[in-house]
Amino acid sequence: MTHPFTYIDPNSKIASNVKIDPFTVIHGDVTIGEGTWIGSNVTIMNGTSIGKNCRIFPGAVLGADPQDIKFNGEKTTVEIGDNTTIREFVTINKGTSDRWVTKVGNDCLIMAYSHIAHDCIVGNNCILSNSVQIAGHVTLGDYAWIAGVSAVHQFVNIGQHAYIAGGSLVSKDVPPYIKAVRNPLSYGGVNSVGLKRRGFDLEKINHILDIYRYIFNKGMNTTQALEFIEEELPATDERDEIVTFIRDSGRGIIKRFGKGAVEED
């Protein structure tokens, strides 16, 4: 159902049961999947694809040109998965020739006033709380959660199941399964509460905690810690993911907070 005060470019592809409220503008080369609701005063620009059963709240702008002086009008896109909610005044810019796409996965919640810049890849089941600002080329793993009024530097990677405290400035990579807290942003223990909610048993959580003790608490440098972990700790998907993430980090990972700080489990 489309309100008569809505403008829809005839070249767009919109499923028959999509509901679009008044004063929204949908440009051509836009695809919107079944069951999605688009609120009032939303602007969806060329190259945007929205999945099924999404909710787009008033004032959102999706698919605008990237705020990047290297952008030269190349044909790039925004892709939003199924069952994702985008709240009021969120902006998601399309990609550049680096990745050609800005992507938000399935079952995400992007809260009001957040910004996702060009060439970002946001995994499934991610949460961005109010006013989170993500610069270009950032990658978020599945189930990553960034609390409100945080800012993420360009090219940062955030691992899956990581939690970042509100008001954080994220300039280094955040490995998977951990909490990132304090200022400067630092390791604050394993995200055990989040992992329990997602079905991780105590044995697996303790295994992840053991891995991070060697990385952050045993006085080794990062290379020594990773070598020890691979040689001495049992091989698991979680171990291999942590080791690979840290080895592949381009910006380096966050550190432990201060000398003698107490670990938070």
Protein backbone atom coordinates (compact mmCIF):
# COMPACT_ATOMS: atom_id res chain seq x y z
CA MET A 1 0.00 0.00 0.00
CA THR A 2 1.39 3.36 -1.09
CA HIS A 3 0.13 6.73 0.10
CA PRO A 4 -0.76 9.15 -2.72
CA PHE A 5 1.64 11.77 -1.35
CA THR A 6 4.59 9.41 -1.87
CA TYR A 7 6.83 9.62 -4.94
CA ILE A 8 8.03 6.31 -6.40
CA ASP A 9 10.18 6.22 -9.50
CA PRO A 10 8.58 3.84 -12.02
CA ASN A 11 11.92 2.06 -12.52
CA SER A 12 12.04 0.88 -8.90
CA LYS A 13 11.12 -2.70 -8.00
CA ILE A 14 8.87 -2.86 -4.97
CA ALA A 15 7.06 -5.96 -3.73
CA SER A 16 3.28 -5.72 -3.85
CA ASN A 17 2.73 -5.84 -0.08
CA VAL A 18 5.27 -3.17 0.87
CA LYS A 19 3.67 -0.34 2.88
CA ILE A 20 5.00 3.17 2.19
CA ASP A 21 3.86 6.17 4.23
CA PRO A 22 3.38 9.74 2.90
CA PHE A 23 6.10 12.16 1.82
CA THR A 24 8.65 9.45 1.14
CA VAL A 25 10.76 9.54 -2.06
CA ILE A 26 12.00 6.38 -3.75
CA HIS A 27 14.35 6.81 -6.69
CA GLY A 28 14.88 4.43 -9.61
CA ASP A 29 17.19 1.40 -9.37
CA VAL A 30 15.77 0.61 -5.93
CA THR A 31 14.56 -2.83 -4.82
CA ILE A 32 12.37 -3.39 -1.74
CA GLY A 33 11.40 -6.87 -0.57
CA GLU A 34 8.12 -8.29 0.66
CA GLY A 35 6.59 -7.21 3.96
CA THR A 36 8.79 -4.14 4.42
CA TRP A 37 7.40 -0.93 5.90
CA ILE A 38 8.79 2.48 4.90
CA GLY A 39 7.83 5.37 7.18
CA SER A 40 7.18 9.01 6.31
CA ASN A 41 9.86 11.36 4.94
CA VAL A 42 12.28 8.59 4.04
CA THR A 43 14.57 9.03 1.04
CA ILE A 44 15.81 5.89 -0.74
CA MET A 45 18.26 6.69 -3.51
CA ASN A 46 19.58 4.92 -6.60
CA GLY A 47 21.42 1.66 -6.05
CA THR A 48 19.69 0.68 -2.80
CA SER A 49 18.39 -2.82 -2.15
CA ILE A 50 16.26 -3.54 0.95
CA GLY A 51 15.30 -7.07 1.96
CA LYS A 52 12.11 -8.60 3.29
CA ASN A 53 10.25 -7.58 6.46
CA CYS A 54 12.41 -4.55 7.20
CA ARG A 55 11.21 -1.43 9.03
CA ILE A 56 12.55 1.94 7.93
CA PHE A 57 11.53 4.76 10.27
CA PRO A 58 10.88 8.42 9.36
CA GLY A 59 13.73 10.62 8.22
CA ALA A 60 16.15 7.87 7.17
CA VAL A 61 18.27 8.49 4.05
CA LEU A 62 19.58 5.34 2.36
CA GLY A 63 21.90 5.15 -0.62
CA ALA A 64 23.15 8.75 -0.82
CA ASP A 65 26.52 9.35 -2.46
CA PRO A 66 29.50 8.66 -0.20
CA GLN A 67 31.05 11.58 1.66
CA ASP A 68 34.43 10.79 0.13
CA ILE A 69 36.36 13.12 -2.14
CA LYS A 70 37.68 10.11 -4.09
CA PHE A 71 34.16 9.27 -5.26
CA ASN A 72 33.74 10.09 -8.92
CA GLY A 73 30.17 9.02 -9.64
CA GLU A 74 30.90 5.33 -10.14
CA LYS A 75 27.90 3.00 -9.90
CA THR A 76 27.89 1.63 -6.36
CA THR A 77 25.25 0.26 -4.03
CA VAL A 78 23.75 -0.16 -0.56
CA GLU A 79 22.46 -3.62 0.38
CA ILE A 80 20.27 -4.17 3.45
CA GLY A 81 19.28 -7.68 4.48
CA ASP A 82 16.02 -9.14 5.75
CA ASN A 83 14.30 -8.32 9.06
CA THR A 84 16.47 -5.28 9.72
CA THR A 85 15.15 -2.20 11.53
CA ILE A 86 16.51 1.26 10.68
CA ARG A 87 15.33 3.95 13.08
CA GLU A 88 14.78 7.68 12.70
CA PHE A 89 17.28 9.81 10.75
CA VAL A 90 19.77 7.03 10.10
CA THR A 91 22.03 7.65 7.10
CA ILE A 92 23.68 4.85 5.12
CA ASN A 93 25.91 5.91 2.21
CA LYS A 94 26.68 3.72 -0.76
CA GLY A 95 30.15 2.40 -1.55
CA THR A 96 33.07 3.65 -3.58
CA SER A 97 35.38 1.83 -5.97
CA ASP A 98 37.09 0.24 -2.94
CA ARG A 99 34.34 -2.30 -2.17
CA TRP A 100 31.57 -1.02 -4.47
CA VAL A 101 28.98 -1.67 -1.79
CA THR A 102 27.93 -0.72 1.72
CA LYS A 103 26.22 -3.69 3.32
CA VAL A 104 24.02 -4.22 6.38
CA GLY A 105 23.09 -7.82 7.15
CA ASN A 106 19.97 -9.59 8.37
CA ASP A 107 18.22 -9.00 11.70
CA CYS A 108 20.14 -5.82 12.55
CA LEU A 109 18.94 -2.88 14.63
CA ILE A 110 20.35 0.51 13.62
CA MET A 111 19.09 3.05 16.13
CA ALA A 112 18.25 6.72 15.61
CA TYR A 113 20.77 9.22 14.22
CA SER A 114 23.40 6.59 13.46
CA HIS A 115 25.59 6.90 10.37
CA ILE A 116 27.12 4.07 8.33
CA ALA A 117 29.62 5.43 5.83
CA HIS A 118 30.75 4.15 2.45
CA ASP A 119 32.18 0.65 2.01
CA CYS A 120 31.19 -0.56 5.48
CA ILE A 121 30.23 -4.20 5.96
CA VAL A 122 27.88 -4.79 8.90
CA GLY A 123 27.22 -8.45 9.69
CA ASN A 124 24.03 -10.16 10.81
CA ASN A 125 22.32 -9.50 14.16
CA CYS A 126 24.35 -6.35 14.83
CA ILE A 127 23.13 -3.49 17.01
CA LEU A 128 24.17 0.13 16.64
CA SER A 129 22.71 2.18 19.47
CA ASN A 130 21.66 5.82 19.15
CA SER A 131 24.05 8.20 17.39
CA VAL A 132 26.77 5.68 16.60
CA GLN A 133 28.99 7.08 13.85
CA ILE A 134 30.90 4.64 11.65
CA ALA A 135 33.48 5.95 9.20
CA GLY A 136 34.29 4.38 5.84
CA HIS A 137 35.64 0.89 5.20
CA VAL A 138 34.70 -0.47 8.65
CA THR A 139 33.77 -4.14 9.12
CA LEU A 140 31.53 -5.45 11.91
CA GLY A 141 31.26 -9.17 12.58
CA ASP A 142 27.97 -10.89 13.37
CA TYR A 143 26.36 -9.97 16.71
CA ALA A 144 28.64 -6.99 17.26
CA TRP A 145 27.03 -4.35 19.49
CA ILE A 146 28.16 -0.73 19.66
CA ALA A 147 26.57 1.30 22.44
CA GLY A 148 25.38 4.87 21.97
CA VAL A 149 27.32 7.96 20.91
CA SER A 150 30.39 5.94 19.89
CA ALA A 151 32.58 6.79 16.90
CA VAL A 152 34.50 4.24 14.84
CA HIS A 153 37.60 5.27 12.85
CA GLN A 154 37.85 4.32 9.18
CA PHE A 155 39.26 0.89 8.30
CA VAL A 156 38.64 -0.50 11.81
CA ASN A 157 37.52 -4.13 12.13
CA ILE A 158 35.26 -5.24 14.97
CA GLY A 159 34.99 -8.97 15.61
CA GLN A 160 31.82 -10.95 16.04
CA HIS A 161 30.11 -10.97 19.44
CA ALA A 162 32.17 -7.95 20.54
CA TYR A 163 30.56 -5.30 22.74
CA ILE A 164 31.75 -1.67 22.72
CA ALA A 165 30.74 0.59 25.59
CA GLY A 166 28.83 3.82 25.05
CA GLY A 167 30.73 6.99 24.24
CA SER A 168 33.75 5.10 22.92
CA LEU A 169 36.31 6.32 20.38
CA VAL A 170 37.30 3.22 18.42
CA SER A 171 40.60 3.72 16.59
CA LYS A 172 42.01 0.18 16.88
CA ASP A 173 40.60 -3.19 15.88
CA VAL A 174 38.42 -4.93 18.48
CA PRO A 175 38.86 -8.73 18.50
CA PRO A 176 35.87 -11.08 18.67
CA TYR A 177 34.03 -12.13 21.85
CA ILE A 178 35.30 -9.32 24.09
CA LYS A 179 34.09 -6.15 25.81
CA ALA A 180 35.84 -2.91 24.87
CA VAL A 181 35.52 -0.27 27.60
CA ARG A 182 37.07 2.85 29.20
CA ASN A 183 39.02 5.72 27.67
CA PRO A 184 41.33 5.07 25.92
CA LEU A 185 39.36 2.10 24.66
CA SER A 186 40.74 -1.07 26.22
CA TYR A 187 40.14 -4.77 26.77
CA GLY A 188 37.53 -5.22 29.49
CA GLY A 189 37.17 -8.99 29.59
CA VAL A 190 35.20 -11.52 27.59
CA ASN A 191 31.61 -10.65 26.66
CA SER A 192 30.35 -13.57 28.73
CA VAL A 193 26.82 -12.21 29.21
CA GLY A 194 26.31 -11.76 25.48
CA LEU A 195 27.79 -15.16 24.72
CA LYS A 196 25.50 -16.90 27.24
CA ARG A 197 22.49 -15.22 25.66
CA ARG A 198 23.54 -16.65 22.29
CA GLY A 199 23.93 -20.22 23.51
CA PHE A 200 27.64 -20.46 24.31
CA ASP A 201 28.15 -22.96 27.14
CA LEU A 202 30.44 -22.35 30.12
CA GLU A 203 33.21 -24.57 28.77
CA LYS A 204 33.42 -22.61 25.54
CA ILE A 205 33.31 -19.25 27.32
CA ASN A 206 36.11 -20.34 29.67
CA HIS A 207 38.14 -21.48 26.66
CA ILE A 208 37.78 -18.03 25.09
CA LEU A 209 38.72 -16.43 28.40
CA ASP A 210 41.88 -18.58 28.59
CA ILE A 211 42.89 -17.43 25.13
CA TYR A 212 42.55 -13.77 26.03
CA ARG A 213 44.43 -14.21 29.31
CA TYR A 214 47.52 -15.12 27.29
CA ILE A 215 46.98 -12.22 24.91
CA PHE A 216 46.39 -9.53 27.52
CA ASN A 217 47.42 -10.73 30.99
CA LYS A 218 50.54 -12.90 30.84
CA GLY A 219 53.14 -10.29 29.94
CA MET A 220 53.77 -11.62 26.44
CA ASN A 221 53.86 -9.50 23.33
CA THR A 222 51.21 -10.27 20.73
CA THR A 223 53.44 -12.49 18.57
CA GLN A 224 54.56 -14.55 21.55
CA ALA A 225 51.00 -14.92 22.83
CA LEU A 226 49.64 -16.11 19.48
CA GLU A 227 52.45 -18.64 19.05
CA PHE A 228 51.84 -19.99 22.56
CA ILE A 229 48.08 -20.22 21.98
CA GLU A 230 48.53 -22.18 18.77
CA GLU A 231 51.06 -24.55 20.33
CA GLU A 232 49.50 -25.10 23.78
CA LEU A 233 45.74 -24.56 23.61
CA PRO A 234 43.31 -26.97 21.92
CA ALA A 235 42.30 -26.12 18.38
CA THR A 236 38.74 -24.78 18.16
CA ASP A 237 36.85 -22.54 15.79
CA GLU A 238 36.98 -19.77 18.39
CA ARG A 239 40.74 -20.08 18.91
CA ASP A 240 41.45 -20.03 15.19
CA GLU A 241 39.13 -17.08 14.62
CA ILE A 242 40.78 -15.02 17.36
CA VAL A 243 44.30 -15.82 16.15
CA THR A 244 43.44 -15.06 12.51
CA PHE A 245 41.68 -11.82 13.39
CA ILE A 246 44.65 -10.51 15.37
CA ARG A 247 47.24 -11.61 12.80
CA ASP A 248 45.26 -9.94 10.01
CA SER A 249 44.71 -6.70 11.92
CA GLY A 250 45.83 -3.72 9.86
CA ARG A 251 45.46 -1.10 12.59
CA GLY A 252 46.51 -3.24 15.54
CA ILE A 253 44.19 -4.33 18.34
CA ILE A 254 43.13 -2.51 21.48
CA LYS A 255 45.28 -3.02 24.58
CA ARG A 256 44.64 -3.91 28.19
CA PHE A 257 43.77 -0.92 30.35
CA GLY A 258 46.67 0.33 32.44
CA LYS A 259 49.10 -1.56 34.58
CA GLY A 260 47.55 -3.61 37.36
CA ALA A 261 43.94 -3.14 36.21
CA VAL A 262 41.50 -5.80 37.37
CA GLU A 263 40.03 -8.01 34.67
CA GLU A 264 36.26 -7.94 34.20
CA ASP A 265 34.68 -11.32 33.39
